[in-house]
Amino acid sequence: MIKVSVMYPNTEGKRFDYDYYANKHCAMIADKVGSAMVKHEIDKGVAGMPPGQPAPFIAAVHMYFDSVEAFQGAFAPHTGAIMGDMPNYTDIMPTIQISEVVS
């Protein structure tokens, strides 16, 4: 299984609409990729280390797929629509990582 993490750096002066992200954007992705996505989780950054520091990422979504190929096959046909929706919830360029889930 793989995890696709889309993480939004916590940058001063940038905006992020959590409600839109969770209820519209991620819901749209789930609808478009269908059963290829095993599950997804949305994070809201609350703190960093050491204590008292801001979270390095303001938000993230972690999407789980059986394989890189399953992700690419499900996501690729909808890349334009998914990326085109970004201005509706943020002006932050995300960092994306694909990881193998080992435990």
PDB file of N, CA and C in Angstrom:
ATOM      1  N   MET A   1       0.850  -1.172   0.000  1.00  0.00           N
ATOM      2  CA  MET A   1       0.000   0.000   0.000  1.00  0.00           C
ATOM      3  C   MET A   1       0.897   1.236   0.000  1.00  0.00           C
ATOM      4  N   ILE A   2       0.415   2.285  -0.664  1.00  0.00           N
ATOM      5  CA  ILE A   2       1.153   3.553  -0.676  1.00  0.00           C
ATOM      6  C   ILE A   2       0.280   4.653  -0.079  1.00  0.00           C
ATOM      7  N   LYS A   3       0.971   5.703   0.368  1.00  0.00           N
ATOM      8  CA  LYS A   3       0.297   6.878   0.919  1.00  0.00           C
ATOM      9  C   LYS A   3       0.781   8.091   0.136  1.00  0.00           C
ATOM     10  N   VAL A   4      -0.165   8.846  -0.401  1.00  0.00           N
ATOM     11  CA  VAL A   4       0.145  10.087  -1.094  1.00  0.00           C
ATOM     12  C   VAL A   4      -0.176  11.216  -0.114  1.00  0.00           C
ATOM     13  N   SER A   5       0.862  11.931   0.318  1.00  0.00           N
ATOM     14  CA  SER A   5       0.692  13.032   1.263  1.00  0.00           C
ATOM     15  C   SER A   5       0.839  14.357   0.528  1.00  0.00           C
ATOM     16  N   VAL A   6      -0.176  15.200   0.677  1.00  0.00           N
ATOM     17  CA  VAL A   6      -0.151  16.548   0.102  1.00  0.00           C
ATOM     18  C   VAL A   6      -0.142  17.487   1.300  1.00  0.00           C
ATOM     19  N   MET A   7       1.007  18.164   1.518  1.00  0.00           N
ATOM     20  CA  MET A   7       1.219  18.946   2.734  1.00  0.00           C
ATOM     21  C   MET A   7       1.407  20.423   2.380  1.00  0.00           C
ATOM     22  N   TYR A   8       0.729  21.272   3.131  1.00  0.00           N
ATOM     23  CA  TYR A   8       0.723  22.707   2.868  1.00  0.00           C
ATOM     24  C   TYR A   8       1.570  23.422   3.912  1.00  0.00           C
ATOM     25  N   PRO A   9       2.756  23.946   3.507  1.00  0.00           N
ATOM     26  CA  PRO A   9       3.628  24.621   4.463  1.00  0.00           C
ATOM     27  C   PRO A   9       2.917  25.791   5.154  1.00  0.00           C
ATOM     28  N   ASN A  10       3.197  25.934   6.433  1.00  0.00           N
ATOM     29  CA  ASN A  10       2.612  26.998   7.246  1.00  0.00           C
ATOM     30  C   ASN A  10       3.417  28.274   7.013  1.00  0.00           C
ATOM     31  N   THR A  11       2.964  29.075   6.082  1.00  0.00           N
ATOM     32  CA  THR A  11       3.670  30.287   5.677  1.00  0.00           C
ATOM     33  C   THR A  11       2.856  31.508   6.086  1.00  0.00           C
ATOM     34  N   GLU A  12       3.503  32.416   6.791  1.00  0.00           N
ATOM     35  CA  GLU A  12       2.814  33.616   7.272  1.00  0.00           C
ATOM     36  C   GLU A  12       2.199  34.400   6.114  1.00  0.00           C
ATOM     37  N   GLY A  13       0.968  34.857   6.330  1.00  0.00           N
ATOM     38  CA  GLY A  13       0.277  35.664   5.340  1.00  0.00           C
ATOM     39  C   GLY A  13      -0.469  34.873   4.275  1.00  0.00           C
ATOM     40  N   LYS A  14      -0.375  33.559   4.314  1.00  0.00           N
ATOM     41  CA  LYS A  14      -1.083  32.725   3.343  1.00  0.00           C
ATOM     42  C   LYS A  14      -2.441  32.328   3.918  1.00  0.00           C
ATOM     43  N   ARG A  15      -3.342  31.887   3.050  1.00  0.00           N
ATOM     44  CA  ARG A  15      -4.683  31.512   3.515  1.00  0.00           C
ATOM     45  C   ARG A  15      -4.953  30.040   3.234  1.00  0.00           C
ATOM     46  N   PHE A  16      -5.827  29.465   4.098  1.00  0.00           N
ATOM     47  CA  PHE A  16      -6.233  28.081   3.932  1.00  0.00           C
ATOM     48  C   PHE A  16      -7.623  27.924   4.522  1.00  0.00           C
ATOM     49  N   ASP A  17      -8.583  27.478   3.712  1.00  0.00           N
ATOM     50  CA  ASP A  17      -9.967  27.296   4.128  1.00  0.00           C
ATOM     51  C   ASP A  17     -10.195  25.801   4.421  1.00  0.00           C
ATOM     52  N   TYR A  18     -10.113  25.446   5.710  1.00  0.00           N
ATOM     53  CA  TYR A  18     -10.249  24.042   6.119  1.00  0.00           C
ATOM     54  C   TYR A  18     -11.619  23.465   5.762  1.00  0.00           C
ATOM     55  N   ASP A  19     -12.670  24.251   5.960  1.00  0.00           N
ATOM     56  CA  ASP A  19     -14.019  23.772   5.685  1.00  0.00           C
ATOM     57  C   ASP A  19     -14.167  23.407   4.206  1.00  0.00           C
ATOM     58  N   TYR A  20     -13.743  24.307   3.323  1.00  0.00           N
ATOM     59  CA  TYR A  20     -13.824  24.025   1.892  1.00  0.00           C
ATOM     60  C   TYR A  20     -12.961  22.818   1.538  1.00  0.00           C
ATOM     61  N   TYR A  21     -11.762  22.766   2.097  1.00  0.00           N
ATOM     62  CA  TYR A  21     -10.830  21.683   1.789  1.00  0.00           C
ATOM     63  C   TYR A  21     -11.433  20.325   2.134  1.00  0.00           C
ATOM     64  N   ALA A  22     -11.978  20.209   3.344  1.00  0.00           N
ATOM     65  CA  ALA A  22     -12.527  18.934   3.795  1.00  0.00           C
ATOM     66  C   ALA A  22     -13.835  18.580   3.098  1.00  0.00           C
ATOM     67  N   ASN A  23     -14.730  19.560   3.007  1.00  0.00           N
ATOM     68  CA  ASN A  23     -16.088  19.272   2.550  1.00  0.00           C
ATOM     69  C   ASN A  23     -16.311  19.381   1.052  1.00  0.00           C
ATOM     70  N   LYS A  24     -15.432  20.069   0.355  1.00  0.00           N
ATOM     71  CA  LYS A  24     -15.594  20.220  -1.096  1.00  0.00           C
ATOM     72  C   LYS A  24     -14.420  19.589  -1.855  1.00  0.00           C
ATOM     73  N   HIS A  25     -13.195  20.079  -1.581  1.00  0.00           N
ATOM     74  CA  HIS A  25     -12.051  19.647  -2.377  1.00  0.00           C
ATOM     75  C   HIS A  25     -11.748  18.157  -2.196  1.00  0.00           C
ATOM     76  N   CYS A  26     -11.542  17.731  -0.955  1.00  0.00           N
ATOM     77  CA  CYS A  26     -11.207  16.319  -0.726  1.00  0.00           C
ATOM     78  C   CYS A  26     -12.377  15.406  -1.059  1.00  0.00           C
ATOM     79  N   ALA A  27     -13.595  15.896  -0.853  1.00  0.00           N
ATOM     80  CA  ALA A  27     -14.775  15.122  -1.244  1.00  0.00           C
ATOM     81  C   ALA A  27     -14.819  14.955  -2.763  1.00  0.00           C
ATOM     82  N   MET A  28     -14.440  15.994  -3.507  1.00  0.00           N
ATOM     83  CA  MET A  28     -14.391  15.913  -4.967  1.00  0.00           C
ATOM     84  C   MET A  28     -13.348  14.881  -5.406  1.00  0.00           C
ATOM     85  N   ILE A  29     -12.180  14.903  -4.771  1.00  0.00           N
ATOM     86  CA  ILE A  29     -11.135  13.932  -5.115  1.00  0.00           C
ATOM     87  C   ILE A  29     -11.653  12.511  -4.869  1.00  0.00           C
ATOM     88  N   ALA A  30     -12.240  12.294  -3.699  1.00  0.00           N
ATOM     89  CA  ALA A  30     -12.757  10.959  -3.369  1.00  0.00           C
ATOM     90  C   ALA A  30     -13.781  10.508  -4.399  1.00  0.00           C
ATOM     91  N   ASP A  31     -14.632  11.416  -4.832  1.00  0.00           N
ATOM     92  CA  ASP A  31     -15.643  11.085  -5.832  1.00  0.00           C
ATOM     93  C   ASP A  31     -14.997  10.738  -7.173  1.00  0.00           C
ATOM     94  N   LYS A  32     -13.986  11.513  -7.568  1.00  0.00           N
ATOM     95  CA  LYS A  32     -13.368  11.303  -8.877  1.00  0.00           C
ATOM     96  C   LYS A  32     -12.516  10.036  -8.928  1.00  0.00           C
ATOM     97  N   VAL A  33     -11.765   9.741  -7.882  1.00  0.00           N
ATOM     98  CA  VAL A  33     -10.882   8.567  -7.921  1.00  0.00           C
ATOM     99  C   VAL A  33     -11.605   7.292  -7.497  1.00  0.00           C
ATOM    100  N   GLY A  34     -12.770   7.432  -6.871  1.00  0.00           N
ATOM    101  CA  GLY A  34     -13.597   6.283  -6.528  1.00  0.00           C
ATOM    102  C   GLY A  34     -12.914   5.280  -5.618  1.00  0.00           C
ATOM    103  N   SER A  35     -13.180   4.014  -5.877  1.00  0.00           N
ATOM    104  CA  SER A  35     -12.698   2.949  -5.002  1.00  0.00           C
ATOM    105  C   SER A  35     -11.192   2.716  -5.101  1.00  0.00           C
ATOM    106  N   ALA A  36     -10.503   3.383  -6.030  1.00  0.00           N
ATOM    107  CA  ALA A  36      -9.043   3.256  -6.100  1.00  0.00           C
ATOM    108  C   ALA A  36      -8.393   3.797  -4.832  1.00  0.00           C
ATOM    109  N   MET A  37      -9.049   4.788  -4.198  1.00  0.00           N
ATOM    110  CA  MET A  37      -8.528   5.323  -2.948  1.00  0.00           C
ATOM    111  C   MET A  37      -9.119   4.511  -1.800  1.00  0.00           C
ATOM    112  N   VAL A  38      -8.248   3.861  -1.054  1.00  0.00           N
ATOM    113  CA  VAL A  38      -8.675   3.001   0.045  1.00  0.00           C
ATOM    114  C   VAL A  38      -9.281   3.842   1.169  1.00  0.00           C
ATOM    115  N   LYS A  39      -8.622   4.951   1.515  1.00  0.00           N
ATOM    116  CA  LYS A  39      -9.106   5.882   2.534  1.00  0.00           C
ATOM    117  C   LYS A  39      -8.294   7.162   2.436  1.00  0.00           C
ATOM    118  N   HIS A  40      -8.754   8.190   3.142  1.00  0.00           N
ATOM    119  CA  HIS A  40      -7.962   9.410   3.252  1.00  0.00           C
ATOM    120  C   HIS A  40      -8.155  10.018   4.635  1.00  0.00           C
ATOM    121  N   GLU A  41      -7.160  10.793   5.054  1.00  0.00           N
ATOM    122  CA  GLU A  41      -7.175  11.470   6.352  1.00  0.00           C
ATOM    123  C   GLU A  41      -6.740  12.907   6.124  1.00  0.00           C
ATOM    124  N   ILE A  42      -7.380  13.828   6.814  1.00  0.00           N
ATOM    125  CA  ILE A  42      -7.033  15.242   6.710  1.00  0.00           C
ATOM    126  C   ILE A  42      -6.476  15.697   8.048  1.00  0.00           C
ATOM    127  N   ASP A  43      -5.315  16.364   8.015  1.00  0.00           N
ATOM    128  CA  ASP A  43      -4.673  16.886   9.219  1.00  0.00           C
ATOM    129  C   ASP A  43      -4.750  18.408   9.235  1.00  0.00           C
ATOM    130  N   LYS A  44      -4.923  18.961  10.426  1.00  0.00           N
ATOM    131  CA  LYS A  44      -4.808  20.399  10.648  1.00  0.00           C
ATOM    132  C   LYS A  44      -3.640  20.598  11.606  1.00  0.00           C
ATOM    133  N   GLY A  45      -2.569  21.246  11.138  1.00  0.00           N
ATOM    134  CA  GLY A  45      -1.389  21.448  11.974  1.00  0.00           C
ATOM    135  C   GLY A  45      -1.710  22.340  13.167  1.00  0.00           C
ATOM    136  N   VAL A  46      -1.285  21.909  14.355  1.00  0.00           N
ATOM    137  CA  VAL A  46      -1.569  22.687  15.561  1.00  0.00           C
ATOM    138  C   VAL A  46      -0.312  23.150  16.294  1.00  0.00           C
ATOM    139  N   ALA A  47       0.803  22.461  16.139  1.00  0.00           N
ATOM    140  CA  ALA A  47       2.024  22.859  16.846  1.00  0.00           C
ATOM    141  C   ALA A  47       3.220  22.170  16.216  1.00  0.00           C
ATOM    142  N   GLY A  48       4.377  22.726  16.514  1.00  0.00           N
ATOM    143  CA  GLY A  48       5.631  22.134  16.074  1.00  0.00           C
ATOM    144  C   GLY A  48       6.495  21.821  17.276  1.00  0.00           C
ATOM    145  N   MET A  49       7.755  21.554  17.023  1.00  0.00           N
ATOM    146  CA  MET A  49       8.724  21.297  18.086  1.00  0.00           C
ATOM    147  C   MET A  49       9.875  22.251  17.904  1.00  0.00           C
ATOM    148  N   PRO A  50      10.457  22.779  18.958  1.00  0.00           N
ATOM    149  CA  PRO A  50      10.095  22.546  20.350  1.00  0.00           C
ATOM    150  C   PRO A  50       8.742  23.163  20.682  1.00  0.00           C
ATOM    151  N   PRO A  51       8.199  22.810  21.858  1.00  0.00           N
ATOM    152  CA  PRO A  51       6.897  23.350  22.256  1.00  0.00           C
ATOM    153  C   PRO A  51       6.818  24.864  22.081  1.00  0.00           C
ATOM    154  N   GLY A  52       5.661  25.291  21.618  1.00  0.00           N
ATOM    155  CA  GLY A  52       5.443  26.721  21.395  1.00  0.00           C
ATOM    156  C   GLY A  52       5.714  27.178  19.982  1.00  0.00           C
ATOM    157  N   GLN A  53       6.318  26.330  19.174  1.00  0.00           N
ATOM    158  CA  GLN A  53       6.599  26.671  17.783  1.00  0.00           C
ATOM    159  C   GLN A  53       5.371  26.367  16.926  1.00  0.00           C
ATOM    160  N   PRO A  54       5.176  27.126  15.861  1.00  0.00           N
ATOM    161  CA  PRO A  54       4.044  26.830  14.973  1.00  0.00           C
ATOM    162  C   PRO A  54       4.270  25.526  14.221  1.00  0.00           C
ATOM    163  N   ALA A  55       3.181  24.905  13.812  1.00  0.00           N
ATOM    164  CA  ALA A  55       3.261  23.678  13.019  1.00  0.00           C
ATOM    165  C   ALA A  55       3.966  23.967  11.701  1.00  0.00           C
ATOM    166  N   PRO A  56       4.843  23.072  11.232  1.00  0.00           N
ATOM    167  CA  PRO A  56       5.515  23.309   9.953  1.00  0.00           C
ATOM    168  C   PRO A  56       4.560  23.247   8.755  1.00  0.00           C
ATOM    169  N   PHE A  57       3.464  22.508   8.922  1.00  0.00           N
ATOM    170  CA  PHE A  57       2.457  22.414   7.867  1.00  0.00           C
ATOM    171  C   PHE A  57       1.114  22.826   8.443  1.00  0.00           C
ATOM    172  N   ILE A  58       0.419  23.708   7.727  1.00  0.00           N
ATOM    173  CA  ILE A  58      -0.884  24.198   8.186  1.00  0.00           C
ATOM    174  C   ILE A  58      -1.969  23.135   7.988  1.00  0.00           C
ATOM    175  N   ALA A  59      -1.785  22.280   6.983  1.00  0.00           N
ATOM    176  CA  ALA A  59      -2.757  21.225   6.692  1.00  0.00           C
ATOM    177  C   ALA A  59      -2.092  20.176   5.809  1.00  0.00           C
ATOM    178  N   ALA A  60      -2.710  18.997   5.797  1.00  0.00           N
ATOM    179  CA  ALA A  60      -2.240  17.918   4.928  1.00  0.00           C
ATOM    180  C   ALA A  60      -3.383  16.943   4.689  1.00  0.00           C
ATOM    181  N   VAL A  61      -3.316  16.275   3.564  1.00  0.00           N
ATOM    182  CA  VAL A  61      -4.209  15.139   3.320  1.00  0.00           C
ATOM    183  C   VAL A  61      -3.312  13.956   3.003  1.00  0.00           C
ATOM    184  N   HIS A  62      -3.695  12.798   3.521  1.00  0.00           N
ATOM    185  CA  HIS A  62      -2.974  11.550   3.267  1.00  0.00           C
ATOM    186  C   HIS A  62      -3.968  10.600   2.607  1.00  0.00           C
ATOM    187  N   MET A  63      -3.676  10.232   1.383  1.00  0.00           N
ATOM    188  CA  MET A  63      -4.561   9.368   0.595  1.00  0.00           C
ATOM    189  C   MET A  63      -3.879   8.027   0.385  1.00  0.00           C
ATOM    190  N   TYR A  64      -4.593   6.959   0.634  1.00  0.00           N
ATOM    191  CA  TYR A  64      -4.040   5.615   0.565  1.00  0.00           C
ATOM    192  C   TYR A  64      -4.567   4.875  -0.672  1.00  0.00           C
ATOM    193  N   PHE A  65      -3.632   4.256  -1.389  1.00  0.00           N
ATOM    194  CA  PHE A  65      -3.940   3.484  -2.592  1.00  0.00           C
ATOM    195  C   PHE A  65      -3.177   2.164  -2.530  1.00  0.00           C
ATOM    196  N   ASP A  66      -3.627   1.179  -3.269  1.00  0.00           N
ATOM    197  CA  ASP A  66      -2.955  -0.120  -3.279  1.00  0.00           C
ATOM    198  C   ASP A  66      -1.560  -0.052  -3.899  1.00  0.00           C
ATOM    199  N   SER A  67      -1.356   0.857  -4.854  1.00  0.00           N
ATOM    200  CA  SER A  67      -0.061   0.952  -5.535  1.00  0.00           C
ATOM    201  C   SER A  67       0.082   2.332  -6.175  1.00  0.00           C
ATOM    202  N   VAL A  68       1.302   2.653  -6.575  1.00  0.00           N
ATOM    203  CA  VAL A  68       1.550   3.897  -7.303  1.00  0.00           C
ATOM    204  C   VAL A  68       0.754   3.891  -8.599  1.00  0.00           C
ATOM    205  N   GLU A  69       0.703   2.743  -9.254  1.00  0.00           N
ATOM    206  CA  GLU A  69      -0.026   2.638 -10.515  1.00  0.00           C
ATOM    207  C   GLU A  69      -1.524   2.874 -10.314  1.00  0.00           C
ATOM    208  N   ALA A  70      -2.070   2.362  -9.225  1.00  0.00           N
ATOM    209  CA  ALA A  70      -3.499   2.581  -8.935  1.00  0.00           C
ATOM    210  C   ALA A  70      -3.759   4.068  -8.698  1.00  0.00           C
ATOM    211  N   PHE A  71      -2.859   4.727  -7.969  1.00  0.00           N
ATOM    212  CA  PHE A  71      -2.990   6.166  -7.742  1.00  0.00           C
ATOM    213  C   PHE A  71      -2.924   6.920  -9.061  1.00  0.00           C
ATOM    214  N   GLN A  72      -1.886   6.673  -9.839  1.00  0.00           N
ATOM    215  CA  GLN A  72      -1.698   7.391 -11.095  1.00  0.00           C
ATOM    216  C   GLN A  72      -2.859   7.174 -12.052  1.00  0.00           C
ATOM    217  N   GLY A  73      -3.331   5.953 -12.146  1.00  0.00           N
ATOM    218  CA  GLY A  73      -4.436   5.656 -13.049  1.00  0.00           C
ATOM    219  C   GLY A  73      -5.730   6.344 -12.647  1.00  0.00           C
ATOM    220  N   ALA A  74      -5.977   6.448 -11.348  1.00  0.00           N
ATOM    221  CA  ALA A  74      -7.211   7.077 -10.866  1.00  0.00           C
ATOM    222  C   ALA A  74      -7.122   8.593 -10.865  1.00  0.00           C
ATOM    223  N   PHE A  75      -5.952   9.126 -10.562  1.00  0.00           N
ATOM    224  CA  PHE A  75      -5.780  10.572 -10.390  1.00  0.00           C
ATOM    225  C   PHE A  75      -5.553  11.295 -11.715  1.00  0.00           C
ATOM    226  N   ALA A  76      -4.754  10.715 -12.597  1.00  0.00           N
ATOM    227  CA  ALA A  76      -4.329  11.394 -13.830  1.00  0.00           C
ATOM    228  C   ALA A  76      -5.467  11.980 -14.664  1.00  0.00           C
ATOM    229  N   PRO A  77      -6.573  11.264 -14.874  1.00  0.00           N
ATOM    230  CA  PRO A  77      -7.635  11.833 -15.711  1.00  0.00           C
ATOM    231  C   PRO A  77      -8.298  13.081 -15.105  1.00  0.00           C
ATOM    232  N   HIS A  78      -8.065  13.317 -13.817  1.00  0.00           N
ATOM    233  CA  HIS A  78      -8.750  14.408 -13.122  1.00  0.00           C
ATOM    234  C   HIS A  78      -7.797  15.497 -12.612  1.00  0.00           C
ATOM    235  N   THR A  79      -6.535  15.420 -13.005  1.00  0.00           N
ATOM    236  CA  THR A  79      -5.535  16.362 -12.496  1.00  0.00           C
ATOM    237  C   THR A  79      -5.936  17.805 -12.743  1.00  0.00           C
ATOM    238  N   GLY A  80      -6.427  18.128 -13.913  1.00  0.00           N
ATOM    239  CA  GLY A  80      -6.809  19.510 -14.231  1.00  0.00           C
ATOM    240  C   GLY A  80      -7.889  20.035 -13.310  1.00  0.00           C
ATOM    241  N   ALA A  81      -8.918  19.247 -13.093  1.00  0.00           N
ATOM    242  CA  ALA A  81     -10.019  19.674 -12.220  1.00  0.00           C
ATOM    243  C   ALA A  81      -9.560  19.805 -10.771  1.00  0.00           C
ATOM    244  N   ILE A  82      -8.749  18.843 -10.321  1.00  0.00           N
ATOM    245  CA  ILE A  82      -8.281  18.862  -8.933  1.00  0.00           C
ATOM    246  C   ILE A  82      -7.364  20.059  -8.702  1.00  0.00           C
ATOM    247  N   MET A  83      -6.395  20.258  -9.558  1.00  0.00           N
ATOM    248  CA  MET A  83      -5.472  21.389  -9.408  1.00  0.00           C
ATOM    249  C   MET A  83      -6.195  22.719  -9.630  1.00  0.00           C
ATOM    250  N   GLY A  84      -7.150  22.745 -10.523  1.00  0.00           N
ATOM    251  CA  GLY A  84      -7.900  23.967 -10.807  1.00  0.00           C
ATOM    252  C   GLY A  84      -8.759  24.431  -9.645  1.00  0.00           C
ATOM    253  N   ASP A  85      -9.040  23.535  -8.710  1.00  0.00           N
ATOM    254  CA  ASP A  85      -9.857  23.879  -7.542  1.00  0.00           C
ATOM    255  C   ASP A  85      -9.032  24.520  -6.424  1.00  0.00           C
ATOM    256  N   MET A  86      -7.721  24.443  -6.493  1.00  0.00           N
ATOM    257  CA  MET A  86      -6.862  24.953  -5.414  1.00  0.00           C
ATOM    258  C   MET A  86      -7.132  26.408  -5.023  1.00  0.00           C
ATOM    259  N   PRO A  87      -7.313  27.331  -5.967  1.00  0.00           N
ATOM    260  CA  PRO A  87      -7.547  28.723  -5.565  1.00  0.00           C
ATOM    261  C   PRO A  87      -8.795  28.919  -4.703  1.00  0.00           C
ATOM    262  N   ASN A  88      -9.692  27.942  -4.701  1.00  0.00           N
ATOM    263  CA  ASN A  88     -10.898  28.050  -3.881  1.00  0.00           C
ATOM    264  C   ASN A  88     -10.627  27.862  -2.394  1.00  0.00           C
ATOM    265  N   TYR A  89      -9.476  27.274  -2.036  1.00  0.00           N
ATOM    266  CA  TYR A  89      -9.202  27.047  -0.614  1.00  0.00           C
ATOM    267  C   TYR A  89      -7.831  27.518  -0.140  1.00  0.00           C
ATOM    268  N   THR A  90      -6.898  27.777  -1.046  1.00  0.00           N
ATOM    269  CA  THR A  90      -5.563  28.192  -0.588  1.00  0.00           C
ATOM    270  C   THR A  90      -4.778  28.929  -1.661  1.00  0.00           C
ATOM    271  N   ASP A  91      -3.752  29.635  -1.194  1.00  0.00           N
ATOM    272  CA  ASP A  91      -2.764  30.230  -2.091  1.00  0.00           C
ATOM    273  C   ASP A  91      -1.368  29.670  -1.771  1.00  0.00           C
ATOM    274  N   ILE A  92      -1.348  28.488  -1.151  1.00  0.00           N
ATOM    275  CA  ILE A  92      -0.105  27.819  -0.759  1.00  0.00           C
ATOM    276  C   ILE A  92       0.206  26.701  -1.754  1.00  0.00           C
ATOM    277  N   MET A  93       1.457  26.650  -2.223  1.00  0.00           N
ATOM    278  CA  MET A  93       1.897  25.556  -3.092  1.00  0.00           C
ATOM    279  C   MET A  93       2.266  24.377  -2.197  1.00  0.00           C
ATOM    280  N   PRO A  94       1.610  23.222  -2.364  1.00  0.00           N
ATOM    281  CA  PRO A  94       1.871  22.095  -1.468  1.00  0.00           C
ATOM    282  C   PRO A  94       3.154  21.333  -1.801  1.00  0.00           C
ATOM    283  N   THR A  95       3.618  20.596  -0.811  1.00  0.00           N
ATOM    284  CA  THR A  95       4.685  19.620  -0.971  1.00  0.00           C
ATOM    285  C   THR A  95       4.000  18.259  -1.062  1.00  0.00           C
ATOM    286  N   ILE A  96       4.390  17.452  -2.041  1.00  0.00           N
ATOM    287  CA  ILE A  96       3.749  16.149  -2.247  1.00  0.00           C
ATOM    288  C   ILE A  96       4.788  15.051  -2.097  1.00  0.00           C
ATOM    289  N   GLN A  97       4.403  14.018  -1.353  1.00  0.00           N
ATOM    290  CA  GLN A  97       5.282  12.869  -1.176  1.00  0.00           C
ATOM    291  C   GLN A  97       4.462  11.594  -1.330  1.00  0.00           C
ATOM    292  N   ILE A  98       5.037  10.622  -2.035  1.00  0.00           N
ATOM    293  CA  ILE A  98       4.449   9.292  -2.143  1.00  0.00           C
ATOM    294  C   ILE A  98       5.336   8.359  -1.321  1.00  0.00           C
ATOM    295  N   SER A  99       4.719   7.649  -0.384  1.00  0.00           N
ATOM    296  CA  SER A  99       5.454   6.765   0.521  1.00  0.00           C
ATOM    297  C   SER A  99       4.888   5.365   0.463  1.00  0.00           C
ATOM    298  N   GLU A 100       5.744   4.389   0.717  1.00  0.00           N
ATOM    299  CA  GLU A 100       5.272   3.025   0.909  1.00  0.00           C
ATOM    300  C   GLU A 100       4.936   2.857   2.386  1.00  0.00           C
ATOM    301  N   VAL A 101       3.763   2.337   2.676  1.00  0.00           N
ATOM    302  CA  VAL A 101       3.367   2.089   4.056  1.00  0.00           C
ATOM    303  C   VAL A 101       4.009   0.777   4.492  1.00  0.00           C
ATOM    304  N   VAL A 102       4.871   0.844   5.507  1.00  0.00           N
ATOM    305  CA  VAL A 102       5.609  -0.360   5.923  1.00  0.00           C
ATOM    306  C   VAL A 102       5.057  -0.989   7.199  1.00  0.00           C
ATOM    307  N   SER A 103       4.234  -0.296   7.930  1.00  0.00           N
ATOM    308  CA  SER A 103       3.586  -0.920   9.098  1.00  0.00           C
ATOM    309  C   SER A 103       2.358  -0.136   9.495  1.00  0.00           C
TER     310      SER A 103
END
